Amino acid sequence: MNVGFISLGCSKNLIDTEITIGKFKEHKFNIVNDETKADIIVINTCGFIDSAKEEAINTILEMAEYKEKRCRYLVVMGCLVQRYYDELIKLLPEVDLWIKLDEYDILWDKIDDLVKRDIVEKSKTKKITKISEIPPMPMFSQEEYLDRTVTTGENFAYSKIGEGCSNRCTYCAIPYIRGPFVSRKKEDILEEAKGLAKKGIKELIVIAQDTTKYGLDIYGKNSLANLLEEISKIDGIKWIRFLYSYPEGITDELIDLVATNPKIAKYFDIPIQHISDTVLKRMNRKTSKQQIIELISKIRNKIPNVTLRTSLMVGFPGETKEEFNELLEFVKTAKFDKLGVFKYSKEDGTPAARMEGQIHGNTKTSRYNKIMKEQQEISKENLEKKIGKTYEVLIEDISFDNKYYVGRTIENVPDIDGLVYIKNDDKLKEKDLINKFVNCKILDVNSYDLIGEII
């Protein structure tokens, strides 16, 4: 039977999809990239914010239309299912099988029942509403991680080093969906990384909901720096980066490692969310404005060529005009290289959803636009400092009109950050540069991308 997959949401969710693809391959199913040719369609959903939930529902309804043609079974898994299982089974009878996160350990039994006997075993799991009662999610086995099918191409792959989150920010539903943070064993992660290197993967992107919490639960201490150092010893892995590092967990040891290890990207992704102390307190964040400012200063002093990325939230309940202006002024002075902004989304069951002072949607949009407009200028200003400099670039694609090679420097996260465009002139016409590293001199920039030539 042909199986088609759709993976929604974050890169952590993508790894779950890749593992599931591996399991289908192991059981001799044929994987297709065209839903019109699929006997089974599997959708891995996100349930983080309203826009993600809407996308998931729309995707399910769209794929359900293929059941009138070729598709025999529609399977839906992931965060949305974990969070809204009882409502979904009533709302969408078109779906043949719902798989929650806490059923991943019996995922294949449920698929087997569906395909071989047309029996859908409904979950009898107790519905949990209090965060203190939510158990750790059962993780995929090491064997399943090793057998996963990497879908991100030849150059990079993600490595998920932990599951869940224990930070309990008042706006976030992740702990309710995926439970508390649980680390994977270091030896398992290293074995996976070695296997990816043997497959030709050049860049390993280490991810978790908060990578700085790695090791606290199983080793009794923050072990991210040690893990990254061990990964850097693996032959074949040229670039290593870690994403989603909360400010309170960034240690001097980690900063020093990034400063001195040539394989590890001099790149920190620090989701600070806000800068106003009063807002940070309502968010149940663990750092203050002064601590954030001091951390940024420390990182830049130790690593002058560092790339800093952050995520911010506007329109959090009770956010006053003065608190927003404080955030806007901080953006102007901090001059982050990369910056993303989220408009607060009221999530069921979270403390913030019950707070007074919910902000009107138009106000959120206005505040979002003001920060993004400011950041666009900052980004261009930062990029212009790179003109005339030479960078190592990994070429990953060519433009549809064949006029430009498209690549990334180590300063750019795939699918998130900007790109490098290299004119495909006469001297390059006969060369096959895809998936190769080249030295590139930067000639010009736009708001988020670089334009260069090979030297």
Protein backbone atom coordinates (compact mmCIF):
# COMPACT_ATOMS: atom_id res chain seq x y z
CA MET A 1 0.00 0.00 0.00
CA ASN A 2 1.15 3.57 -0.73
CA VAL A 3 1.48 5.92 2.27
CA GLY A 4 1.70 9.70 2.06
CA PHE A 5 2.76 11.96 4.94
CA ILE A 6 2.06 15.58 5.85
CA SER A 7 4.06 17.03 8.74
CA LEU A 8 2.84 20.28 10.31
CA GLY A 9 4.41 22.45 12.98
CA CYS A 10 7.95 22.53 14.32
CA SER A 11 11.13 20.61 13.56
CA LYS A 12 10.61 18.55 16.73
CA ASN A 13 7.36 17.33 15.24
CA LEU A 14 9.12 16.62 11.96
CA ILE A 15 11.40 14.13 13.71
CA ASP A 16 8.32 12.25 14.94
CA THR A 17 7.11 12.14 11.34
CA GLU A 18 10.49 10.88 10.11
CA ILE A 19 10.45 8.10 12.69
CA THR A 20 6.92 7.13 11.65
CA ILE A 21 7.95 7.04 7.99
CA GLY A 22 10.80 4.73 9.00
CA LYS A 23 8.34 2.40 10.72
CA PHE A 24 6.12 2.21 7.64
CA LYS A 25 9.18 1.44 5.49
CA GLU A 26 10.23 -1.26 7.93
CA HIS A 27 6.83 -2.91 7.41
CA LYS A 28 7.25 -2.81 3.61
CA PHE A 29 4.87 0.05 2.84
CA ASN A 30 5.67 2.28 -0.14
CA ILE A 31 6.17 5.97 0.68
CA VAL A 32 4.79 8.49 -1.85
CA ASN A 33 4.95 12.29 -2.04
CA ASP A 34 1.65 12.64 -3.90
CA GLU A 35 -1.56 12.39 -1.87
CA THR A 36 -3.51 11.43 -5.00
CA LYS A 37 -1.53 8.18 -5.12
CA ALA A 38 -1.80 7.34 -1.40
CA ASP A 39 -3.86 4.49 0.04
CA ILE A 40 -3.09 5.83 3.52
CA ILE A 41 -2.59 9.51 4.37
CA VAL A 42 -0.89 10.30 7.70
CA ILE A 43 -1.06 13.85 9.06
CA ASN A 44 1.16 14.85 11.99
CA THR A 45 -0.47 17.90 13.57
CA CYS A 46 0.56 20.91 15.63
CA GLY A 47 -1.67 22.27 18.38
CA PHE A 48 0.47 25.09 19.72
CA ILE A 49 -1.41 28.26 18.73
CA ASP A 50 -4.68 29.11 17.00
CA SER A 51 -3.18 29.49 13.53
CA ALA A 52 -1.51 26.07 13.81
CA LYS A 53 -4.75 24.44 14.96
CA GLU A 54 -6.64 26.04 12.09
CA GLU A 55 -4.04 24.82 9.61
CA ALA A 56 -4.29 21.28 11.00
CA ILE A 57 -8.10 21.15 10.78
CA ASN A 58 -8.05 22.55 7.25
CA THR A 59 -5.42 20.02 6.20
CA ILE A 60 -7.46 17.13 7.63
CA LEU A 61 -10.58 18.27 5.78
CA GLU A 62 -8.62 18.73 2.55
CA MET A 63 -7.08 15.26 2.77
CA ALA A 64 -10.46 13.73 3.68
CA GLU A 65 -11.63 14.61 0.17
CA TYR A 66 -9.24 11.99 -1.22
CA LYS A 67 -11.22 9.27 0.57
CA GLU A 68 -13.77 9.64 -2.19
CA LYS A 69 -11.07 8.74 -4.71
CA ARG A 70 -8.16 6.44 -3.80
CA CYS A 71 -7.35 6.95 -0.12
CA ARG A 72 -8.69 4.18 2.13
CA TYR A 73 -7.44 5.35 5.52
CA LEU A 74 -6.87 8.80 7.00
CA VAL A 75 -4.64 8.75 10.08
CA VAL A 76 -4.04 11.83 12.26
CA MET A 77 -1.41 12.01 15.00
CA GLY A 78 0.46 14.61 17.04
CA CYS A 79 -0.05 17.52 19.40
CA LEU A 80 -3.53 18.53 18.27
CA VAL A 81 -4.77 14.98 18.86
CA GLN A 82 -3.18 14.84 22.30
CA ARG A 83 -4.81 18.07 23.29
CA TYR A 84 -8.29 17.79 21.76
CA TYR A 85 -8.84 14.05 21.30
CA ASP A 86 -12.38 13.88 22.71
CA GLU A 87 -13.58 16.83 20.63
CA LEU A 88 -11.86 15.71 17.43
CA ILE A 89 -13.32 12.21 17.28
CA LYS A 90 -16.80 13.78 17.35
CA LEU A 91 -15.95 16.66 15.04
CA LEU A 92 -14.18 14.74 12.26
CA PRO A 93 -15.67 11.29 11.62
CA GLU A 94 -13.77 11.23 8.30
CA VAL A 95 -10.63 10.27 10.22
CA ASP A 96 -10.11 6.51 10.60
CA LEU A 97 -7.51 6.61 13.33
CA TRP A 98 -6.41 9.19 15.89
CA ILE A 99 -3.02 8.65 17.56
CA LYS A 100 -2.13 10.68 20.65
CA LEU A 101 1.41 11.39 21.80
CA ASP A 102 1.03 9.05 24.75
CA GLU A 103 0.15 6.26 22.32
CA TYR A 104 3.34 6.49 20.26
CA ASP A 105 4.71 3.44 22.05
CA ILE A 106 1.77 1.40 20.68
CA LEU A 107 1.55 3.32 17.41
CA TRP A 108 2.25 0.32 15.22
CA ASP A 109 -0.28 -1.89 16.99
CA LYS A 110 -2.98 0.68 16.23
CA ILE A 111 -1.90 1.01 12.59
CA ASP A 112 -1.79 -2.76 12.27
CA ASP A 113 -5.31 -3.09 13.67
CA LEU A 114 -6.59 -0.44 11.29
CA VAL A 115 -5.03 -1.80 8.12
CA LYS A 116 -5.36 -5.53 8.70
CA ARG A 117 -8.69 -5.77 10.48
CA ASP A 118 -10.30 -2.34 10.01
CA ILE A 119 -10.56 -1.98 13.80
CA VAL A 120 -9.89 1.37 15.40
CA GLU A 121 -8.99 0.88 19.06
CA LYS A 122 -10.28 3.94 20.84
CA SER A 123 -8.11 5.31 23.61
CA LYS A 124 -9.17 4.66 27.19
CA THR A 125 -6.58 7.02 28.60
CA LYS A 126 -7.77 9.19 31.47
CA LYS A 127 -8.27 12.80 30.44
CA ILE A 128 -5.79 14.95 32.33
CA THR A 129 -6.30 18.65 32.88
CA LYS A 130 -3.95 19.65 35.71
CA ILE A 131 -0.35 20.16 34.64
CA SER A 132 0.92 18.55 37.85
CA GLU A 133 -0.82 15.30 36.85
CA ILE A 134 0.60 15.08 33.34
CA PRO A 135 3.13 12.23 33.12
CA PRO A 136 6.18 12.25 30.82
CA MET A 137 5.27 11.21 27.28
CA PRO A 138 6.58 7.79 26.21
CA MET A 139 9.39 8.49 23.76
CA PHE A 140 10.22 6.56 20.63
CA SER A 141 12.83 3.88 21.17
CA GLN A 142 16.48 4.31 20.19
CA GLU A 143 15.99 1.79 17.41
CA GLU A 144 13.15 3.89 16.01
CA TYR A 145 15.33 7.00 16.09
CA LEU A 146 18.07 5.18 14.20
CA ASP A 147 15.61 3.87 11.59
CA ARG A 148 13.98 7.23 10.91
CA THR A 149 13.83 8.56 7.36
CA VAL A 150 15.46 11.99 7.13
CA THR A 151 13.27 14.26 4.99
CA THR A 152 15.33 17.45 5.11
CA GLY A 153 17.65 16.60 2.23
CA GLU A 154 21.30 15.59 2.00
CA ASN A 155 22.90 18.37 4.01
CA PHE A 156 21.26 18.75 7.41
CA ALA A 157 19.19 16.83 9.92
CA TYR A 158 17.63 17.55 13.29
CA SER A 159 18.48 15.70 16.48
CA LYS A 160 15.87 15.89 19.23
CA ILE A 161 17.69 15.61 22.57
CA GLY A 162 14.66 15.87 24.84
CA GLU A 163 10.89 15.72 24.92
CA GLY A 164 8.37 17.96 26.65
CA CYS A 165 8.94 21.08 28.76
CA SER A 166 8.99 21.90 32.47
CA ASN A 167 9.25 25.69 32.31
CA ARG A 168 5.50 26.33 32.72
CA CYS A 169 5.31 29.74 31.08
CA THR A 170 1.77 30.96 31.71
CA TYR A 171 0.91 31.37 28.00
CA CYS A 172 2.25 28.02 26.75
CA ALA A 173 0.34 24.78 26.23
CA ILE A 174 3.39 22.60 25.49
CA PRO A 175 3.64 21.11 29.02
CA TYR A 176 -0.06 20.20 28.82
CA ILE A 177 0.49 18.53 25.46
CA ARG A 178 3.90 16.89 25.74
CA GLY A 179 4.41 16.66 29.50
CA PRO A 180 7.52 17.58 31.52
CA PHE A 181 11.01 17.69 30.04
CA VAL A 182 12.70 14.32 29.60
CA SER A 183 16.27 14.04 28.26
CA ARG A 184 17.49 11.33 25.90
CA LYS A 185 20.63 9.48 26.95
CA LYS A 186 23.85 11.02 25.68
CA GLU A 187 25.11 7.74 24.21
CA ASP A 188 21.87 7.35 22.24
CA ILE A 189 22.14 10.85 20.78
CA LEU A 190 25.79 10.28 19.82
CA GLU A 191 24.95 6.97 18.17
CA GLU A 192 22.23 8.69 16.15
CA ALA A 193 24.63 11.51 15.17
CA LYS A 194 27.27 9.02 13.98
CA GLY A 195 24.65 7.27 11.86
CA LEU A 196 23.58 10.56 10.30
CA ALA A 197 27.20 11.44 9.56
CA LYS A 198 27.67 8.12 7.75
CA LYS A 199 24.66 9.00 5.60
CA GLY A 200 26.44 12.19 4.51
CA ILE A 201 24.70 14.72 6.76
CA LYS A 202 26.96 17.78 7.04
CA GLU A 203 25.04 19.82 9.61
CA LEU A 204 23.39 18.59 12.80
CA ILE A 205 20.79 20.84 14.42
CA VAL A 206 20.24 19.96 18.07
CA ILE A 207 16.72 20.78 19.25
CA ALA A 208 14.39 20.49 22.23
CA GLN A 209 11.74 22.75 23.68
CA ASP A 210 14.55 24.18 25.82
CA THR A 211 17.96 22.71 24.98
CA THR A 212 19.58 24.26 28.07
CA LYS A 213 17.58 21.88 30.28
CA TYR A 214 19.34 18.90 28.71
CA GLY A 215 20.68 16.46 31.28
CA LEU A 216 19.19 18.03 34.41
CA ASP A 217 16.72 15.17 34.87
CA ILE A 218 19.04 12.22 34.19
CA TYR A 219 22.52 13.55 35.06
CA GLY A 220 21.63 16.10 37.74
CA LYS A 221 23.31 18.98 35.91
CA ASN A 222 23.13 21.01 32.73
CA SER A 223 24.91 18.82 30.19
CA LEU A 224 24.31 20.60 26.88
CA ALA A 225 27.89 21.89 26.53
CA ASN A 226 29.30 18.42 27.18
CA LEU A 227 26.93 16.85 24.66
CA LEU A 228 27.82 19.39 21.95
CA GLU A 229 31.53 18.86 22.56
CA GLU A 230 31.12 15.10 22.15
CA ILE A 231 29.14 15.57 18.93
CA SER A 232 31.90 17.82 17.57
CA LYS A 233 34.32 14.87 17.73
CA ILE A 234 32.28 12.90 15.18
CA ASP A 235 33.91 12.75 11.75
CA GLY A 236 31.74 13.99 8.90
CA ILE A 237 29.68 16.48 10.88
CA LYS A 238 31.02 19.88 9.77
CA TRP A 239 28.48 22.28 11.32
CA ILE A 240 26.66 21.90 14.65
CA ARG A 241 24.04 24.24 16.04
CA PHE A 242 21.57 24.17 18.92
CA LEU A 243 18.23 25.99 18.98
CA TYR A 244 15.78 27.23 21.61
CA SER A 245 18.12 27.99 24.54
CA TYR A 246 16.31 29.82 27.33
CA PRO A 247 18.38 32.68 28.81
CA GLU A 248 18.49 31.38 32.38
CA GLY A 249 20.11 28.12 31.22
CA ILE A 250 22.94 29.61 29.16
CA THR A 251 26.09 28.92 31.21
CA ASP A 252 29.61 30.32 30.94
CA GLU A 253 30.71 26.81 29.94
CA LEU A 254 28.32 26.84 26.99
CA ILE A 255 29.39 30.34 25.89
CA ASP A 256 33.07 29.38 26.08
CA LEU A 257 32.46 26.24 24.03
CA VAL A 258 30.68 28.18 21.29
CA ALA A 259 33.51 30.74 21.31
CA THR A 260 36.29 28.16 20.89
CA ASN A 261 34.89 25.12 19.05
CA PRO A 262 35.18 25.66 15.26
CA LYS A 263 32.41 23.16 14.43
CA ILE A 264 29.76 24.79 16.59
CA ALA A 265 27.93 27.72 15.02
CA LYS A 266 28.55 30.99 16.81
CA TYR A 267 24.81 31.36 17.00
CA PHE A 268 22.47 31.68 19.98
CA ASP A 269 18.71 31.36 19.61
CA ILE A 270 17.41 32.89 22.85
CA PRO A 271 13.61 33.24 23.10
CA ILE A 272 13.29 36.05 25.66
CA GLN A 273 9.58 36.79 24.84
CA HIS A 274 9.60 40.26 26.41
CA ILE A 275 11.83 42.73 28.25
CA SER A 276 9.43 44.42 30.69
CA ASP A 277 9.91 42.95 34.17
CA THR A 278 6.19 43.17 34.92
CA VAL A 279 5.27 41.28 31.75
CA LEU A 280 8.04 38.71 32.30
CA LYS A 281 6.69 38.08 35.79
CA ARG A 282 3.14 37.55 34.49
CA MET A 283 4.56 35.16 31.91
CA ASN A 284 6.32 33.21 34.69
CA ARG A 285 9.64 33.69 32.97
CA LYS A 286 12.77 33.03 34.99
CA THR A 287 14.85 36.07 33.99
CA SER A 288 14.64 39.83 34.47
CA LYS A 289 15.38 42.68 32.09
CA GLN A 290 18.76 43.29 33.71
CA GLN A 291 19.74 39.62 33.50
CA ILE A 292 18.83 39.49 29.80
CA ILE A 293 20.83 42.64 29.03
CA GLU A 294 23.84 41.31 30.96
CA LEU A 295 23.65 37.94 29.17
CA ILE A 296 23.58 39.55 25.72
CA SER A 297 26.52 41.76 26.67
CA LYS A 298 28.51 38.79 27.99
CA ILE A 299 27.92 36.71 24.86
CA ARG A 300 28.90 39.57 22.53
CA ASN A 301 32.02 40.37 24.55
CA LYS A 302 33.22 36.74 24.47
CA ILE A 303 32.12 36.08 20.88
CA PRO A 304 32.39 39.36 18.88
CA ASN A 305 31.15 37.73 15.63
CA VAL A 306 28.20 35.95 17.26
CA THR A 307 24.77 35.80 15.62
CA LEU A 308 21.91 36.42 18.05
CA ARG A 309 18.33 35.44 17.39
CA THR A 310 15.33 35.91 19.65
CA SER A 311 11.56 35.43 19.74
CA LEU A 312 9.20 38.03 21.18
CA MET A 313 5.52 38.09 22.07
CA VAL A 314 3.25 41.11 21.76
CA GLY A 315 -0.26 41.51 23.12
CA PHE A 316 0.22 39.40 26.25
CA PRO A 317 -2.72 39.93 28.64
CA GLY A 318 -2.38 43.24 30.42
CA GLU A 319 0.46 44.52 28.22
CA THR A 320 0.23 48.30 28.52
CA LYS A 321 1.32 50.83 25.94
CA GLU A 322 4.26 51.69 28.21
CA GLU A 323 5.32 48.03 28.49
CA PHE A 324 5.16 47.62 24.73
CA ASN A 325 7.18 50.80 24.15
CA GLU A 326 9.79 49.45 26.55
CA LEU A 327 10.02 46.33 24.39
CA LEU A 328 10.22 48.38 21.18
CA GLU A 329 13.03 50.55 22.56
CA PHE A 330 14.90 47.42 23.61
CA VAL A 331 14.63 46.02 20.08
CA LYS A 332 16.13 49.26 18.74
CA THR A 333 19.10 49.14 21.12
CA ALA A 334 19.78 45.38 21.28
CA LYS A 335 19.93 45.08 17.46
CA PHE A 336 19.39 41.33 17.22
CA ASP A 337 20.65 39.77 14.00
CA LYS A 338 17.47 37.67 13.69
CA LEU A 339 14.15 38.29 15.39
CA GLY A 340 10.72 36.70 15.24
CA VAL A 341 7.51 38.06 16.75
CA PHE A 342 4.39 36.17 17.82
CA LYS A 343 1.03 37.73 18.57
CA TYR A 344 -0.24 36.28 21.86
CA SER A 345 -2.66 33.41 21.32
CA LYS A 346 -5.15 32.55 24.07
CA GLU A 347 -4.58 28.84 24.71
CA ASP A 348 -7.14 26.64 26.48
CA GLY A 349 -6.20 25.61 29.98
CA THR A 350 -3.24 27.97 30.39
CA PRO A 351 -3.10 30.49 33.26
CA ALA A 352 -2.74 33.39 30.81
CA ALA A 353 -6.05 32.49 29.17
CA ARG A 354 -7.77 33.29 32.48
CA MET A 355 -5.98 36.60 33.01
CA GLU A 356 -7.77 39.91 32.85
CA GLY A 357 -6.79 42.50 30.28
CA GLN A 358 -6.91 40.39 27.12
CA ILE A 359 -5.61 42.55 24.26
CA HIS A 360 -7.70 43.29 21.16
CA GLY A 361 -6.50 41.66 17.94
CA ASN A 362 -6.01 44.95 16.13
CA THR A 363 -3.74 46.18 18.90
CA LYS A 364 -1.67 42.99 18.69
CA THR A 365 -1.31 43.40 14.93
CA SER A 366 -0.29 47.05 15.26
CA ARG A 367 2.37 46.20 17.84
CA TYR A 368 3.59 43.29 15.74
CA ASN A 369 3.97 45.51 12.68
CA LYS A 370 5.88 48.18 14.59
CA ILE A 371 8.50 45.72 15.83
CA MET A 372 8.87 43.97 12.48
CA LYS A 373 9.30 47.30 10.68
CA GLU A 374 12.04 48.28 13.12
CA GLN A 375 13.74 44.91 12.86
CA GLN A 376 13.75 45.00 9.06
CA GLU A 377 15.95 48.10 9.18
CA ILE A 378 18.16 46.59 11.88
CA SER A 379 18.59 43.40 9.88
CA LYS A 380 19.65 45.30 6.77
CA GLU A 381 22.03 47.44 8.82
CA ASN A 382 23.63 44.32 10.34
CA LEU A 383 23.92 42.59 6.97
CA GLU A 384 25.55 45.62 5.31
CA LYS A 385 28.49 45.16 7.69
CA LYS A 386 29.19 41.88 5.88
CA ILE A 387 29.74 43.48 2.46
CA GLY A 388 33.30 42.85 1.29
CA LYS A 389 33.83 39.95 3.70
CA THR A 390 34.31 36.32 2.70
CA TYR A 391 32.19 33.48 4.11
CA GLU A 392 32.04 29.74 3.65
CA VAL A 393 28.71 28.96 2.00
CA LEU A 394 26.93 25.62 1.66
CA ILE A 395 25.20 25.59 -1.74
CA GLU A 396 21.84 23.81 -1.44
CA ASP A 397 19.78 24.81 -4.46
CA ILE A 398 19.59 26.73 -7.71
CA SER A 399 16.90 29.27 -8.57
CA PHE A 400 14.06 28.17 -10.84
CA ASP A 401 15.47 30.27 -13.70
CA ASN A 402 19.02 28.88 -13.17
CA LYS A 403 20.38 32.40 -12.68
CA TYR A 404 21.46 31.99 -9.05
CA TYR A 405 22.91 29.34 -6.81
CA VAL A 406 21.26 29.50 -3.38
CA GLY A 407 23.07 28.66 -0.16
CA ARG A 408 23.63 29.42 3.51
CA THR A 409 26.47 30.44 5.78
CA ILE A 410 26.88 28.86 9.21
CA GLU A 411 25.09 31.97 10.52
CA ASN A 412 21.78 30.92 8.95
CA VAL A 413 19.35 28.26 10.17
CA PRO A 414 17.71 26.41 7.26
CA ASP A 415 14.11 27.38 6.44
CA ILE A 416 14.16 30.16 9.07
CA ASP A 417 16.95 32.65 8.34
CA GLY A 418 18.13 34.40 5.20
CA LEU A 419 20.00 32.99 2.22
CA VAL A 420 23.02 33.73 0.06
CA TYR A 421 22.40 34.24 -3.67
CA ILE A 422 25.37 33.65 -5.99
CA LYS A 423 25.05 34.65 -9.66
CA ASN A 424 25.43 31.62 -11.89
CA ASP A 425 27.76 33.29 -14.40
CA ASP A 426 29.56 31.76 -17.39
CA LYS A 427 32.50 30.41 -15.39
CA LEU A 428 30.12 28.44 -13.15
CA LYS A 429 27.81 27.12 -15.87
CA GLU A 430 29.59 23.79 -16.20
CA LYS A 431 30.09 23.21 -12.48
CA ASP A 432 27.87 21.14 -10.22
CA LEU A 433 28.01 23.05 -6.94
CA ILE A 434 24.87 21.70 -5.26
CA ASN A 435 25.61 20.28 -1.77
CA LYS A 436 29.17 21.65 -1.82
CA PHE A 437 30.95 24.25 0.32
CA VAL A 438 32.41 27.30 -1.45
CA ASN A 439 34.08 30.54 -0.38
CA CYS A 440 31.95 33.52 -1.23
CA LYS A 441 32.61 37.27 -1.13
CA ILE A 442 29.57 39.37 -0.21
CA LEU A 443 28.79 42.09 -2.75
CA ASP A 444 25.36 43.38 -1.69
CA VAL A 445 22.40 42.74 0.62
CA ASN A 446 18.65 43.17 0.85
CA SER A 447 16.61 43.18 4.06
CA TYR A 448 17.33 39.58 5.01
CA ASP A 449 19.55 37.96 2.32
CA LEU A 450 23.11 38.28 1.03
CA ILE A 451 24.28 38.51 -2.58
CA GLY A 452 27.78 37.33 -3.42
CA GLU A 453 30.25 35.76 -5.79
CA ILE A 454 32.45 32.68 -5.52
CA ILE A 455 36.16 33.40 -5.09
